[in-house]
Amino acid sequence: YKYEIFSVKKTEEEEHLNIIFNTTEEYEKHLK
């Protein structure tokens, strides 16, 4: 798999650990 980096972040939050999205809108919001 080949990937391109789209974001770099320094954080104390753990939102990125969420892997369950019930709707396309939830996943879109997550990516945004």
PDB file of all heavy atoms in Angstrom:
ATOM      1  N   TYR A   1       0.846  -1.189   0.000  1.00  0.00           N
ATOM      2  CA  TYR A   1       0.000   0.000   0.000  1.00  0.00           C
ATOM      3  C   TYR A   1       0.882   1.240   0.000  1.00  0.00           C
ATOM      4  O   TYR A   1       1.860   1.312   0.753  1.00  0.00           O
ATOM      5  CB  TYR A   1      -0.884   0.025   1.247  1.00  0.00           C
ATOM      6  CG  TYR A   1      -1.827  -1.143   1.372  1.00  0.00           C
ATOM      7  CD1 TYR A   1      -1.470  -2.262   2.122  1.00  0.00           C
ATOM      8  CD2 TYR A   1      -3.068  -1.135   0.750  1.00  0.00           C
ATOM      9  CE1 TYR A   1      -2.335  -3.346   2.239  1.00  0.00           C
ATOM     10  CE2 TYR A   1      -3.936  -2.213   0.868  1.00  0.00           C
ATOM     11  CZ  TYR A   1      -3.566  -3.311   1.609  1.00  0.00           C
ATOM     12  OH  TYR A   1      -4.423  -4.383   1.734  1.00  0.00           O
ATOM     13  N   LYS A   2       0.518   2.193  -0.835  1.00  0.00           N
ATOM     14  CA  LYS A   2       1.242   3.456  -0.856  1.00  0.00           C
ATOM     15  C   LYS A   2       0.332   4.561  -0.322  1.00  0.00           C
ATOM     16  O   LYS A   2      -0.814   4.693  -0.745  1.00  0.00           O
ATOM     17  CB  LYS A   2       1.711   3.805  -2.266  1.00  0.00           C
ATOM     18  CG  LYS A   2       2.598   5.060  -2.303  1.00  0.00           C
ATOM     19  CD  LYS A   2       3.149   5.329  -3.696  1.00  0.00           C
ATOM     20  CE  LYS A   2       4.056   6.548  -3.691  1.00  0.00           C
ATOM     21  NZ  LYS A   2       4.596   6.827  -5.049  1.00  0.00           N
ATOM     22  N   TYR A   3       0.855   5.349   0.604  1.00  0.00           N
ATOM     23  CA  TYR A   3       0.095   6.401   1.264  1.00  0.00           C
ATOM     24  C   TYR A   3       0.771   7.755   1.082  1.00  0.00           C
ATOM     25  O   TYR A   3       1.979   7.831   0.835  1.00  0.00           O
ATOM     26  CB  TYR A   3       0.012   6.143   2.774  1.00  0.00           C
ATOM     27  CG  TYR A   3      -0.759   4.929   3.204  1.00  0.00           C
ATOM     28  CD1 TYR A   3      -0.162   3.676   3.242  1.00  0.00           C
ATOM     29  CD2 TYR A   3      -2.076   5.031   3.627  1.00  0.00           C
ATOM     30  CE1 TYR A   3      -0.857   2.557   3.673  1.00  0.00           C
ATOM     31  CE2 TYR A   3      -2.787   3.915   4.065  1.00  0.00           C
ATOM     32  CZ  TYR A   3      -2.167   2.689   4.087  1.00  0.00           C
ATOM     33  OH  TYR A   3      -2.857   1.590   4.521  1.00  0.00           O
ATOM     34  N   GLU A   4      -0.041   8.815   1.237  1.00  0.00           N
ATOM     35  CA  GLU A   4       0.482  10.179   1.260  1.00  0.00           C
ATOM     36  C   GLU A   4       0.032  10.853   2.548  1.00  0.00           C
ATOM     37  O   GLU A   4      -1.151  10.825   2.905  1.00  0.00           O
ATOM     38  CB  GLU A   4      -0.022  10.987   0.059  1.00  0.00           C
ATOM     39  CG  GLU A   4       0.561  12.404   0.029  1.00  0.00           C
ATOM     40  CD  GLU A   4       0.175  13.157  -1.230  1.00  0.00           C
ATOM     41  OE1 GLU A   4      -0.714  12.681  -1.956  1.00  0.00           O
ATOM     42  OE2 GLU A   4       0.768  14.227  -1.471  1.00  0.00           O
ATOM     43  N   ILE A   5       0.952  11.467   3.257  1.00  0.00           N
ATOM     44  CA  ILE A   5       0.640  12.129   4.521  1.00  0.00           C
ATOM     45  C   ILE A   5      -0.235  13.353   4.256  1.00  0.00           C
ATOM     46  O   ILE A   5       0.080  14.174   3.408  1.00  0.00           O
ATOM     47  CB  ILE A   5       1.933  12.542   5.243  1.00  0.00           C
ATOM     48  CG1 ILE A   5       2.734  11.299   5.644  1.00  0.00           C
ATOM     49  CG2 ILE A   5       1.616  13.395   6.480  1.00  0.00           C
ATOM     50  CD1 ILE A   5       4.117  11.601   6.168  1.00  0.00           C
ATOM     51  N   PHE A   6      -1.350  13.455   5.002  1.00  0.00           N
ATOM     52  CA  PHE A   6      -2.235  14.611   4.826  1.00  0.00           C
ATOM     53  C   PHE A   6      -2.357  15.468   6.064  1.00  0.00           C
ATOM     54  O   PHE A   6      -2.903  16.571   6.011  1.00  0.00           O
ATOM     55  CB  PHE A   6      -3.639  14.173   4.361  1.00  0.00           C
ATOM     56  CG  PHE A   6      -4.468  13.449   5.383  1.00  0.00           C
ATOM     57  CD1 PHE A   6      -5.294  14.148   6.258  1.00  0.00           C
ATOM     58  CD2 PHE A   6      -4.455  12.062   5.442  1.00  0.00           C
ATOM     59  CE1 PHE A   6      -6.073  13.478   7.184  1.00  0.00           C
ATOM     60  CE2 PHE A   6      -5.244  11.388   6.362  1.00  0.00           C
ATOM     61  CZ  PHE A   6      -6.052  12.093   7.235  1.00  0.00           C
ATOM     62  N   SER A   7      -1.812  15.017   7.202  1.00  0.00           N
ATOM     63  CA  SER A   7      -1.920  15.809   8.425  1.00  0.00           C
ATOM     64  C   SER A   7      -0.885  15.348   9.440  1.00  0.00           C
ATOM     65  O   SER A   7      -0.572  14.153   9.520  1.00  0.00           O
ATOM     66  CB  SER A   7      -3.324  15.686   9.019  1.00  0.00           C
ATOM     67  OG  SER A   7      -3.453  16.424  10.210  1.00  0.00           O
ATOM     68  N   VAL A   8      -0.358  16.293  10.201  1.00  0.00           N
ATOM     69  CA  VAL A   8       0.548  16.004  11.312  1.00  0.00           C
ATOM     70  C   VAL A   8       0.051  16.801  12.511  1.00  0.00           C
ATOM     71  O   VAL A   8      -0.222  17.995  12.395  1.00  0.00           O
ATOM     72  CB  VAL A   8       2.008  16.394  10.986  1.00  0.00           C
ATOM     73  CG1 VAL A   8       2.904  16.167  12.200  1.00  0.00           C
ATOM     74  CG2 VAL A   8       2.519  15.614   9.788  1.00  0.00           C
ATOM     75  N   LYS A   9      -0.057  16.137  13.645  1.00  0.00           N
ATOM     76  CA  LYS A   9      -0.705  16.775  14.790  1.00  0.00           C
ATOM     77  C   LYS A   9      -0.008  16.395  16.090  1.00  0.00           C
ATOM     78  O   LYS A   9       0.449  15.262  16.258  1.00  0.00           O
ATOM     79  CB  LYS A   9      -2.171  16.325  14.841  1.00  0.00           C
ATOM     80  CG  LYS A   9      -2.989  16.848  16.000  1.00  0.00           C
ATOM     81  CD  LYS A   9      -4.403  16.271  15.936  1.00  0.00           C
ATOM     82  CE  LYS A   9      -5.268  16.722  17.089  1.00  0.00           C
ATOM     83  NZ  LYS A   9      -6.608  16.085  17.042  1.00  0.00           N
ATOM     84  N   LYS A  10       0.074  17.333  17.016  1.00  0.00           N
ATOM     85  CA  LYS A  10       0.553  17.082  18.366  1.00  0.00           C
ATOM     86  C   LYS A  10      -0.631  17.291  19.295  1.00  0.00           C
ATOM     87  O   LYS A  10      -1.274  18.344  19.264  1.00  0.00           O
ATOM     88  CB  LYS A  10       1.689  18.037  18.722  1.00  0.00           C
ATOM     89  CG  LYS A  10       2.394  17.732  20.030  1.00  0.00           C
ATOM     90  CD  LYS A  10       3.592  18.647  20.206  1.00  0.00           C
ATOM     91  CE  LYS A  10       4.353  18.299  21.477  1.00  0.00           C
ATOM     92  NZ  LYS A  10       5.549  19.158  21.655  1.00  0.00           N
ATOM     93  N   THR A  11      -0.956  16.299  20.112  1.00  0.00           N
ATOM     94  CA  THR A  11      -2.213  16.375  20.859  1.00  0.00           C
ATOM     95  C   THR A  11      -2.159  15.573  22.154  1.00  0.00           C
ATOM     96  O   THR A  11      -1.313  14.688  22.323  1.00  0.00           O
ATOM     97  CB  THR A  11      -3.368  15.837  19.990  1.00  0.00           C
ATOM     98  OG1 THR A  11      -4.595  16.026  20.683  1.00  0.00           O
ATOM     99  CG2 THR A  11      -3.183  14.365  19.691  1.00  0.00           C
ATOM    100  N   GLU A  12      -3.075  15.903  23.059  1.00  0.00           N
ATOM    101  CA  GLU A  12      -3.306  15.115  24.269  1.00  0.00           C
ATOM    102  C   GLU A  12      -4.590  14.303  24.134  1.00  0.00           C
ATOM    103  O   GLU A  12      -4.900  13.483  24.989  1.00  0.00           O
ATOM    104  CB  GLU A  12      -3.416  16.034  25.492  1.00  0.00           C
ATOM    105  CG  GLU A  12      -2.159  16.827  25.785  1.00  0.00           C
ATOM    106  CD  GLU A  12      -2.322  17.725  26.995  1.00  0.00           C
ATOM    107  OE1 GLU A  12      -3.302  17.537  27.744  1.00  0.00           O
ATOM    108  OE2 GLU A  12      -1.476  18.606  27.194  1.00  0.00           O
ATOM    109  N   GLU A  13      -5.349  14.539  23.072  1.00  0.00           N
ATOM    110  CA  GLU A  13      -6.639  13.880  22.884  1.00  0.00           C
ATOM    111  C   GLU A  13      -6.458  12.488  22.271  1.00  0.00           C
ATOM    112  O   GLU A  13      -5.394  12.149  21.767  1.00  0.00           O
ATOM    113  CB  GLU A  13      -7.522  14.736  21.973  1.00  0.00           C
ATOM    114  CG  GLU A  13      -7.786  16.135  22.533  1.00  0.00           C
ATOM    115  CD  GLU A  13      -8.516  17.024  21.543  1.00  0.00           C
ATOM    116  OE1 GLU A  13      -8.729  16.575  20.402  1.00  0.00           O
ATOM    117  OE2 GLU A  13      -8.861  18.150  21.918  1.00  0.00           O
ATOM    118  N   GLU A  14      -7.526  11.698  22.320  1.00  0.00           N
ATOM    119  CA  GLU A  14      -7.467  10.339  21.804  1.00  0.00           C
ATOM    120  C   GLU A  14      -8.586  10.051  20.806  1.00  0.00           C
ATOM    121  O   GLU A  14      -8.960   8.898  20.581  1.00  0.00           O
ATOM    122  CB  GLU A  14      -7.525   9.331  22.961  1.00  0.00           C
ATOM    123  CG  GLU A  14      -6.312   9.437  23.887  1.00  0.00           C
ATOM    124  CD  GLU A  14      -6.280   8.349  24.939  1.00  0.00           C
ATOM    125  OE1 GLU A  14      -7.300   7.636  25.081  1.00  0.00           O
ATOM    126  OE2 GLU A  14      -5.249   8.215  25.607  1.00  0.00           O
ATOM    127  N   GLU A  15      -9.098  11.107  20.191  1.00  0.00           N
ATOM    128  CA  GLU A  15     -10.180  10.939  19.217  1.00  0.00           C
ATOM    129  C   GLU A  15      -9.760  10.028  18.066  1.00  0.00           C
ATOM    130  O   GLU A  15     -10.571   9.274  17.516  1.00  0.00           O
ATOM    131  CB  GLU A  15     -10.600  12.300  18.656  1.00  0.00           C
ATOM    132  CG  GLU A  15     -11.714  12.230  17.640  1.00  0.00           C
ATOM    133  CD  GLU A  15     -11.525  13.171  16.460  1.00  0.00           C
ATOM    134  OE1 GLU A  15     -10.580  13.978  16.483  1.00  0.00           O
ATOM    135  OE2 GLU A  15     -12.316  13.073  15.530  1.00  0.00           O
ATOM    136  N   HIS A  16      -8.487  10.053  17.715  1.00  0.00           N
ATOM    137  CA  HIS A  16      -7.982   9.268  16.594  1.00  0.00           C
ATOM    138  C   HIS A  16      -8.076   7.763  16.846  1.00  0.00           C
ATOM    139  O   HIS A  16      -7.946   6.972  15.919  1.00  0.00           O
ATOM    140  CB  HIS A  16      -6.531   9.647  16.318  1.00  0.00           C
ATOM    141  CG  HIS A  16      -5.615   9.403  17.488  1.00  0.00           C
ATOM    142  ND1 HIS A  16      -5.570  10.248  18.570  1.00  0.00           N
ATOM    143  CD2 HIS A  16      -4.734   8.406  17.747  1.00  0.00           C
ATOM    144  CE1 HIS A  16      -4.694   9.785  19.448  1.00  0.00           C
ATOM    145  NE2 HIS A  16      -4.180   8.674  18.978  1.00  0.00           N
ATOM    146  N   LEU A  17      -8.295   7.367  18.104  1.00  0.00           N
ATOM    147  CA  LEU A  17      -8.394   5.945  18.427  1.00  0.00           C
ATOM    148  C   LEU A  17      -9.762   5.362  18.077  1.00  0.00           C
ATOM    149  O   LEU A  17      -9.934   4.147  18.070  1.00  0.00           O
ATOM    150  CB  LEU A  17      -8.107   5.720  19.912  1.00  0.00           C
ATOM    151  CG  LEU A  17      -6.695   6.085  20.385  1.00  0.00           C
ATOM    152  CD1 LEU A  17      -6.568   5.862  21.878  1.00  0.00           C
ATOM    153  CD2 LEU A  17      -5.645   5.290  19.624  1.00  0.00           C
ATOM    154  N   ASN A  18     -10.717   6.230  17.784  1.00  0.00           N
ATOM    155  CA  ASN A  18     -12.050   5.764  17.394  1.00  0.00           C
ATOM    156  C   ASN A  18     -11.995   5.156  15.997  1.00  0.00           C
ATOM    157  O   ASN A  18     -11.536   5.782  15.044  1.00  0.00           O
ATOM    158  CB  ASN A  18     -13.034   6.938  17.413  1.00  0.00           C
ATOM    159  CG  ASN A  18     -14.437   6.504  17.035  1.00  0.00           C
ATOM    160  OD1 ASN A  18     -14.808   5.350  17.240  1.00  0.00           O
ATOM    161  ND2 ASN A  18     -15.207   7.421  16.477  1.00  0.00           N
ATOM    162  N   ILE A  19     -12.468   3.917  15.883  1.00  0.00           N
ATOM    163  CA  ILE A  19     -12.442   3.250  14.572  1.00  0.00           C
ATOM    164  C   ILE A  19     -13.839   2.815  14.127  1.00  0.00           C
ATOM    165  O   ILE A  19     -13.981   2.191  13.083  1.00  0.00           O
ATOM    166  CB  ILE A  19     -11.497   2.036  14.577  1.00  0.00           C
ATOM    167  CG1 ILE A  19     -11.976   0.982  15.589  1.00  0.00           C
ATOM    168  CG2 ILE A  19     -10.068   2.451  14.865  1.00  0.00           C
ATOM    169  CD1 ILE A  19     -11.232  -0.336  15.496  1.00  0.00           C
ATOM    170  N   ILE A  20     -14.851   3.148  14.917  1.00  0.00           N
ATOM    171  CA  ILE A  20     -16.221   2.755  14.583  1.00  0.00           C
ATOM    172  C   ILE A  20     -17.028   3.993  14.198  1.00  0.00           C
ATOM    173  O   ILE A  20     -17.163   4.932  14.985  1.00  0.00           O
ATOM    174  CB  ILE A  20     -16.896   2.039  15.767  1.00  0.00           C
ATOM    175  CG1 ILE A  20     -16.119   0.770  16.121  1.00  0.00           C
ATOM    176  CG2 ILE A  20     -18.353   1.707  15.434  1.00  0.00           C
ATOM    177  CD1 ILE A  20     -16.634   0.060  17.350  1.00  0.00           C
ATOM    178  N   PHE A  21     -17.528   3.993  12.982  1.00  0.00           N
ATOM    179  CA  PHE A  21     -18.323   5.111  12.473  1.00  0.00           C
ATOM    180  C   PHE A  21     -19.631   4.548  11.924  1.00  0.00           C
ATOM    181  O   PHE A  21     -19.627   3.703  11.035  1.00  0.00           O
ATOM    182  CB  PHE A  21     -17.553   5.858  11.388  1.00  0.00           C
ATOM    183  CG  PHE A  21     -16.190   6.299  11.845  1.00  0.00           C
ATOM    184  CD1 PHE A  21     -15.057   5.556  11.525  1.00  0.00           C
ATOM    185  CD2 PHE A  21     -16.034   7.439  12.620  1.00  0.00           C
ATOM    186  CE1 PHE A  21     -13.802   5.943  11.965  1.00  0.00           C
ATOM    187  CE2 PHE A  21     -14.792   7.836  13.063  1.00  0.00           C
ATOM    188  CZ  PHE A  21     -13.666   7.086  12.740  1.00  0.00           C
ATOM    189  N   ASN A  22     -20.735   5.011  12.483  1.00  0.00           N
ATOM    190  CA  ASN A  22     -22.039   4.458  12.133  1.00  0.00           C
ATOM    191  C   ASN A  22     -22.579   4.961  10.801  1.00  0.00           C
ATOM    192  O   ASN A  22     -23.418   4.312  10.179  1.00  0.00           O
ATOM    193  CB  ASN A  22     -23.045   4.753  13.252  1.00  0.00           C
ATOM    194  CG  ASN A  22     -22.664   4.052  14.550  1.00  0.00           C
ATOM    195  OD1 ASN A  22     -22.254   2.898  14.526  1.00  0.00           O
ATOM    196  ND2 ASN A  22     -22.775   4.750  15.668  1.00  0.00           N
ATOM    197  N   THR A  23     -22.100   6.124  10.380  1.00  0.00           N
ATOM    198  CA  THR A  23     -22.575   6.699   9.118  1.00  0.00           C
ATOM    199  C   THR A  23     -21.401   7.269   8.338  1.00  0.00           C
ATOM    200  O   THR A  23     -20.323   7.527   8.895  1.00  0.00           O
ATOM    201  CB  THR A  23     -23.595   7.825   9.369  1.00  0.00           C
ATOM    202  OG1 THR A  23     -22.928   8.912  10.039  1.00  0.00           O
ATOM    203  CG2 THR A  23     -24.772   7.332  10.206  1.00  0.00           C
ATOM    204  N   THR A  24     -21.620   7.490   7.060  1.00  0.00           N
ATOM    205  CA  THR A  24     -20.610   8.139   6.227  1.00  0.00           C
ATOM    206  C   THR A  24     -20.316   9.538   6.743  1.00  0.00           C
ATOM    207  O   THR A  24     -19.162   9.989   6.719  1.00  0.00           O
ATOM    208  CB  THR A  24     -21.099   8.216   4.767  1.00  0.00           C
ATOM    209  OG1 THR A  24     -21.348   6.888   4.287  1.00  0.00           O
ATOM    210  CG2 THR A  24     -20.064   8.890   3.877  1.00  0.00           C
ATOM    211  N   GLU A  25     -21.352  10.208   7.232  1.00  0.00           N
ATOM    212  CA  GLU A  25     -21.184  11.570   7.748  1.00  0.00           C
ATOM    213  C   GLU A  25     -20.252  11.599   8.947  1.00  0.00           C
ATOM    214  O   GLU A  25     -19.435  12.517   9.097  1.00  0.00           O
ATOM    215  CB  GLU A  25     -22.538  12.174   8.117  1.00  0.00           C
ATOM    216  CG  GLU A  25     -23.433  12.518   6.937  1.00  0.00           C
ATOM    217  CD  GLU A  25     -24.031  11.282   6.244  1.00  0.00           C
ATOM    218  OE1 GLU A  25     -24.101  10.206   6.907  1.00  0.00           O
ATOM    219  OE2 GLU A  25     -24.390  11.390   5.051  1.00  0.00           O
ATOM    220  N   GLU A  26     -20.354  10.597   9.809  1.00  0.00           N
ATOM    221  CA  GLU A  26     -19.471  10.528  10.977  1.00  0.00           C
ATOM    222  C   GLU A  26     -18.012  10.374  10.542  1.00  0.00           C
ATOM    223  O   GLU A  26     -17.115  11.010  11.099  1.00  0.00           O
ATOM    224  CB  GLU A  26     -19.870   9.350  11.876  1.00  0.00           C
ATOM    225  CG  GLU A  26     -21.089   9.598  12.734  1.00  0.00           C
ATOM    226  CD  GLU A  26     -21.331   8.466  13.712  1.00  0.00           C
ATOM    227  OE1 GLU A  26     -20.449   7.600  13.874  1.00  0.00           O
ATOM    228  OE2 GLU A  26     -22.416   8.443  14.315  1.00  0.00           O
ATOM    229  N   TYR A  27     -17.800   9.508   9.563  1.00  0.00           N
ATOM    230  CA  TYR A  27     -16.434   9.289   9.072  1.00  0.00           C
ATOM    231  C   TYR A  27     -15.898  10.540   8.387  1.00  0.00           C
ATOM    232  O   TYR A  27     -14.732  10.907   8.560  1.00  0.00           O
ATOM    233  CB  TYR A  27     -16.424   8.101   8.121  1.00  0.00           C
ATOM    234  CG  TYR A  27     -15.034   7.667   7.683  1.00  0.00           C
ATOM    235  CD1 TYR A  27     -14.045   7.386   8.614  1.00  0.00           C
ATOM    236  CD2 TYR A  27     -14.718   7.537   6.328  1.00  0.00           C
ATOM    237  CE1 TYR A  27     -12.781   6.980   8.222  1.00  0.00           C
ATOM    238  CE2 TYR A  27     -13.456   7.124   5.919  1.00  0.00           C
ATOM    239  CZ  TYR A  27     -12.494   6.854   6.869  1.00  0.00           C
ATOM    240  OH  TYR A  27     -11.235   6.463   6.470  1.00  0.00           O
ATOM    241  N   GLU A  28     -16.740  11.217   7.621  1.00  0.00           N
ATOM    242  CA  GLU A  28     -16.337  12.465   6.962  1.00  0.00           C
ATOM    243  C   GLU A  28     -15.938  13.520   7.996  1.00  0.00           C
ATOM    244  O   GLU A  28     -14.938  14.231   7.823  1.00  0.00           O
ATOM    245  CB  GLU A  28     -17.479  12.996   6.096  1.00  0.00           C
ATOM    246  CG  GLU A  28     -17.693  12.229   4.813  1.00  0.00           C
ATOM    247  CD  GLU A  28     -18.863  12.753   4.007  1.00  0.00           C
ATOM    248  OE1 GLU A  28     -19.701  13.503   4.578  1.00  0.00           O
ATOM    249  OE2 GLU A  28     -18.960  12.419   2.807  1.00  0.00           O
ATOM    250  N   LYS A  29     -16.723  13.629   9.064  1.00  0.00           N
ATOM    251  CA  LYS A  29     -16.415  14.583  10.123  1.00  0.00           C
ATOM    252  C   LYS A  29     -15.086  14.245  10.786  1.00  0.00           C
ATOM    253  O   LYS A  29     -14.272  15.125  11.091  1.00  0.00           O
ATOM    254  CB  LYS A  29     -17.536  14.591  11.159  1.00  0.00           C
ATOM    255  CG  LYS A  29     -17.320  15.597  12.285  1.00  0.00           C
ATOM    256  CD  LYS A  29     -18.484  15.572  13.269  1.00  0.00           C
ATOM    257  CE  LYS A  29     -18.242  16.571  14.411  1.00  0.00           C
ATOM    258  NZ  LYS A  29     -19.360  16.540  15.384  1.00  0.00           N
ATOM    259  N   HIS A  30     -14.869  12.964  11.002  1.00  0.00           N
ATOM    260  CA  HIS A  30     -13.614  12.474  11.582  1.00  0.00           C
ATOM    261  C   HIS A  30     -12.420  12.873  10.709  1.00  0.00           C
ATOM    262  O   HIS A  30     -11.429  13.430  11.196  1.00  0.00           O
ATOM    263  CB  HIS A  30     -13.708  10.954  11.719  1.00  0.00           C
ATOM    264  CG  HIS A  30     -12.453  10.277  12.158  1.00  0.00           C
ATOM    265  ND1 HIS A  30     -11.893  10.469  13.409  1.00  0.00           N
ATOM    266  CD2 HIS A  30     -11.660   9.374  11.519  1.00  0.00           C
ATOM    267  CE1 HIS A  30     -10.809   9.724  13.520  1.00  0.00           C
ATOM    268  NE2 HIS A  30     -10.645   9.049  12.392  1.00  0.00           N
ATOM    269  N   LEU A  31     -12.509  12.615   9.416  1.00  0.00           N
ATOM    270  CA  LEU A  31     -11.425  12.958   8.495  1.00  0.00           C
ATOM    271  C   LEU A  31     -11.186  14.462   8.453  1.00  0.00           C
ATOM    272  O   LEU A  31     -10.041  14.927   8.419  1.00  0.00           O
ATOM    273  CB  LEU A  31     -11.753  12.442   7.090  1.00  0.00           C
ATOM    274  CG  LEU A  31     -11.840  10.926   6.917  1.00  0.00           C
ATOM    275  CD1 LEU A  31     -12.246  10.583   5.497  1.00  0.00           C
ATOM    276  CD2 LEU A  31     -10.521  10.261   7.266  1.00  0.00           C
ATOM    277  N   LYS A  32     -12.271  15.220   8.459  1.00  0.00           N
ATOM    278  CA  LYS A  32     -12.164  16.675   8.431  1.00  0.00           C
ATOM    279  C   LYS A  32     -11.438  17.202   9.661  1.00  0.00           C
ATOM    280  O   LYS A  32     -10.576  18.085   9.561  1.00  0.00           O
ATOM    281  CB  LYS A  32     -13.553  17.304   8.333  1.00  0.00           C
ATOM    282  CG  LYS A  32     -13.538  18.821   8.194  1.00  0.00           C
ATOM    283  CD  LYS A  32     -14.953  19.369   8.027  1.00  0.00           C
ATOM    284  CE  LYS A  32     -14.917  20.892   7.885  1.00  0.00           C
ATOM    285  NZ  LYS A  32     -16.304  21.438   7.721  1.00  0.00           N
TER     286      LYS A  32
END
